[in-house]
């Protein structure tokens, strides 16, 4: 985990890949992750953008 003031970035393992980085708000009421913990991740459709494969 990397503390960056108003948020924390952490690297997680997703589908066997351990280079997935998530950004969590550093505020009250936000679940704090612990090393080795299992969690559910997701995002809003409007926050996604498809990229051309070429």
N, C-alpha and C. Protein backbone atom coordinates (compact mmCIF):
# COMPACT_ATOMS: atom_id res chain seq x y z
N UNK A 1 0.83 -1.17 0.00
CA UNK A 1 0.00 0.00 0.00
C UNK A 1 0.88 1.24 0.00
N UNK A 2 0.43 2.25 -0.73
CA UNK A 2 1.15 3.51 -0.79
C UNK A 2 0.20 4.61 -0.32
N UNK A 3 0.55 5.27 0.77
CA UNK A 3 -0.24 6.38 1.32
C UNK A 3 0.03 7.62 0.49
N UNK A 4 -1.04 8.24 -0.04
CA UNK A 4 -0.89 9.44 -0.86
C UNK A 4 -1.81 10.56 -0.38
N UNK A 5 -1.90 10.73 0.93
CA UNK A 5 -2.71 11.81 1.49
C UNK A 5 -4.19 11.49 1.49
N UNK A 6 -4.93 11.97 0.48
CA UNK A 6 -6.37 11.77 0.45
C UNK A 6 -6.78 10.41 -0.09
N UNK A 7 -5.80 9.62 -0.55
CA UNK A 7 -6.13 8.26 -1.02
C UNK A 7 -4.93 7.33 -0.81
N UNK A 8 -5.22 6.04 -0.95
CA UNK A 8 -4.22 4.99 -0.81
C UNK A 8 -4.25 4.18 -2.10
N UNK A 9 -3.09 3.85 -2.63
CA UNK A 9 -3.00 2.94 -3.78
C UNK A 9 -2.43 1.63 -3.30
N UNK A 10 -3.01 0.56 -3.79
CA UNK A 10 -2.54 -0.76 -3.42
C UNK A 10 -2.56 -1.70 -4.62
N UNK A 11 -1.63 -2.59 -4.65
CA UNK A 11 -1.55 -3.57 -5.74
C UNK A 11 -2.26 -4.83 -5.27
N UNK A 12 -3.13 -5.37 -6.11
CA UNK A 12 -3.90 -6.57 -5.77
C UNK A 12 -3.75 -7.61 -6.88
N UNK A 13 -4.04 -8.84 -6.53
CA UNK A 13 -4.01 -9.93 -7.49
C UNK A 13 -5.42 -10.13 -8.03
N UNK A 14 -5.57 -10.04 -9.36
CA UNK A 14 -6.86 -10.21 -10.02
C UNK A 14 -6.70 -11.24 -11.13
N UNK A 15 -7.44 -12.33 -11.04
CA UNK A 15 -7.41 -13.39 -12.06
C UNK A 15 -5.98 -13.87 -12.32
N UNK A 16 -5.19 -14.00 -11.27
CA UNK A 16 -3.83 -14.51 -11.40
C UNK A 16 -2.78 -13.49 -11.79
N UNK A 17 -3.18 -12.25 -11.98
CA UNK A 17 -2.24 -11.18 -12.32
C UNK A 17 -2.06 -10.29 -11.10
N UNK A 18 -0.82 -10.09 -10.66
CA UNK A 18 -0.59 -9.32 -9.44
C UNK A 18 -0.16 -7.89 -9.69
N UNK A 19 -0.46 -7.36 -10.88
CA UNK A 19 -0.07 -5.99 -11.20
C UNK A 19 -1.28 -5.05 -11.34
N UNK A 20 -2.40 -5.41 -10.74
CA UNK A 20 -3.61 -4.60 -10.78
C UNK A 20 -3.56 -3.61 -9.63
N UNK A 21 -3.66 -2.31 -9.92
CA UNK A 21 -3.57 -1.27 -8.89
C UNK A 21 -4.94 -0.63 -8.68
N UNK A 22 -5.34 -0.51 -7.43
CA UNK A 22 -6.60 0.16 -7.11
C UNK A 22 -6.32 1.38 -6.24
N UNK A 23 -7.21 2.35 -6.34
CA UNK A 23 -7.11 3.60 -5.59
C UNK A 23 -8.31 3.67 -4.65
N UNK A 24 -8.04 3.82 -3.36
CA UNK A 24 -9.10 3.89 -2.35
C UNK A 24 -9.06 5.24 -1.65
N UNK A 25 -10.22 5.85 -1.42
CA UNK A 25 -10.22 7.10 -0.66
C UNK A 25 -9.69 6.85 0.75
N UNK A 26 -8.95 7.77 1.29
CA UNK A 26 -8.43 7.69 2.65
C UNK A 26 -9.35 8.51 3.54
N UNK A 27 -10.51 7.94 3.85
CA UNK A 27 -11.49 8.67 4.65
C UNK A 27 -12.28 7.72 5.53
N UNK A 28 -13.00 8.28 6.48
CA UNK A 28 -13.82 7.47 7.38
C UNK A 28 -14.89 6.74 6.59
N UNK A 29 -15.20 5.52 7.03
CA UNK A 29 -16.25 4.75 6.40
C UNK A 29 -15.80 3.92 5.22
N UNK A 30 -14.56 4.09 4.77
CA UNK A 30 -14.02 3.31 3.66
C UNK A 30 -13.29 2.10 4.24
N UNK A 31 -13.59 0.93 3.72
CA UNK A 31 -12.95 -0.29 4.20
C UNK A 31 -11.46 -0.23 3.93
N UNK A 32 -10.67 -0.50 4.96
CA UNK A 32 -9.22 -0.54 4.82
C UNK A 32 -8.80 -1.98 4.56
N UNK A 33 -8.04 -2.19 3.49
CA UNK A 33 -7.60 -3.53 3.13
C UNK A 33 -6.40 -3.95 3.98
N UNK A 34 -6.32 -5.24 4.26
CA UNK A 34 -5.19 -5.82 4.96
C UNK A 34 -4.49 -6.78 4.02
N UNK A 35 -3.16 -6.89 4.10
CA UNK A 35 -2.44 -7.84 3.25
C UNK A 35 -3.02 -9.25 3.38
N UNK A 36 -3.25 -9.89 2.25
CA UNK A 36 -3.79 -11.25 2.22
C UNK A 36 -5.30 -11.33 2.28
N UNK A 37 -5.98 -10.21 2.48
CA UNK A 37 -7.44 -10.21 2.58
C UNK A 37 -8.06 -10.39 1.20
N UNK A 38 -9.26 -10.96 1.17
CA UNK A 38 -10.03 -11.10 -0.06
C UNK A 38 -11.08 -10.01 -0.09
N UNK A 39 -11.26 -9.39 -1.25
CA UNK A 39 -12.25 -8.32 -1.37
C UNK A 39 -12.91 -8.38 -2.75
N UNK A 40 -13.98 -7.67 -2.92
CA UNK A 40 -14.67 -7.56 -4.19
C UNK A 40 -14.32 -6.21 -4.80
N UNK A 41 -14.01 -6.20 -6.10
CA UNK A 41 -13.72 -4.95 -6.79
C UNK A 41 -14.73 -4.74 -7.91
N UNK A 42 -14.89 -3.51 -8.32
CA UNK A 42 -15.80 -3.19 -9.42
C UNK A 42 -15.66 -1.73 -9.78
N UNK A 43 -16.33 -1.32 -10.85
CA UNK A 43 -16.28 0.07 -11.29
C UNK A 43 -17.54 0.37 -12.08
N UNK A 44 -17.81 1.64 -12.24
CA UNK A 44 -18.99 2.09 -12.97
C UNK A 44 -18.74 2.02 -14.48
N UNK A 45 -19.75 1.64 -15.23
CA UNK A 45 -19.64 1.55 -16.68
C UNK A 45 -19.22 2.89 -17.28
N UNK A 46 -19.73 3.99 -16.76
CA UNK A 46 -19.41 5.30 -17.32
C UNK A 46 -17.95 5.72 -17.04
N UNK A 47 -17.27 4.99 -16.16
CA UNK A 47 -15.86 5.28 -15.89
C UNK A 47 -14.92 4.47 -16.80
N UNK A 48 -15.47 3.70 -17.72
CA UNK A 48 -14.67 2.83 -18.59
C UNK A 48 -14.55 3.42 -19.99
N UNK A 49 -13.46 3.07 -20.65
CA UNK A 49 -13.26 3.48 -22.04
C UNK A 49 -12.58 2.33 -22.77
N UNK A 50 -13.19 1.87 -23.86
CA UNK A 50 -12.60 0.80 -24.66
C UNK A 50 -11.49 1.39 -25.53
N UNK A 51 -10.37 0.66 -25.62
CA UNK A 51 -9.24 1.10 -26.42
C UNK A 51 -9.09 0.20 -27.64
N UNK A 52 -8.62 0.77 -28.73
CA UNK A 52 -8.37 0.02 -29.95
C UNK A 52 -7.23 -0.95 -29.68
N UNK A 53 -7.40 -2.22 -30.07
CA UNK A 53 -6.40 -3.25 -29.80
C UNK A 53 -5.11 -3.04 -30.58
N UNK A 54 -5.13 -2.26 -31.63
CA UNK A 54 -3.91 -2.10 -32.45
C UNK A 54 -3.03 -1.03 -31.98
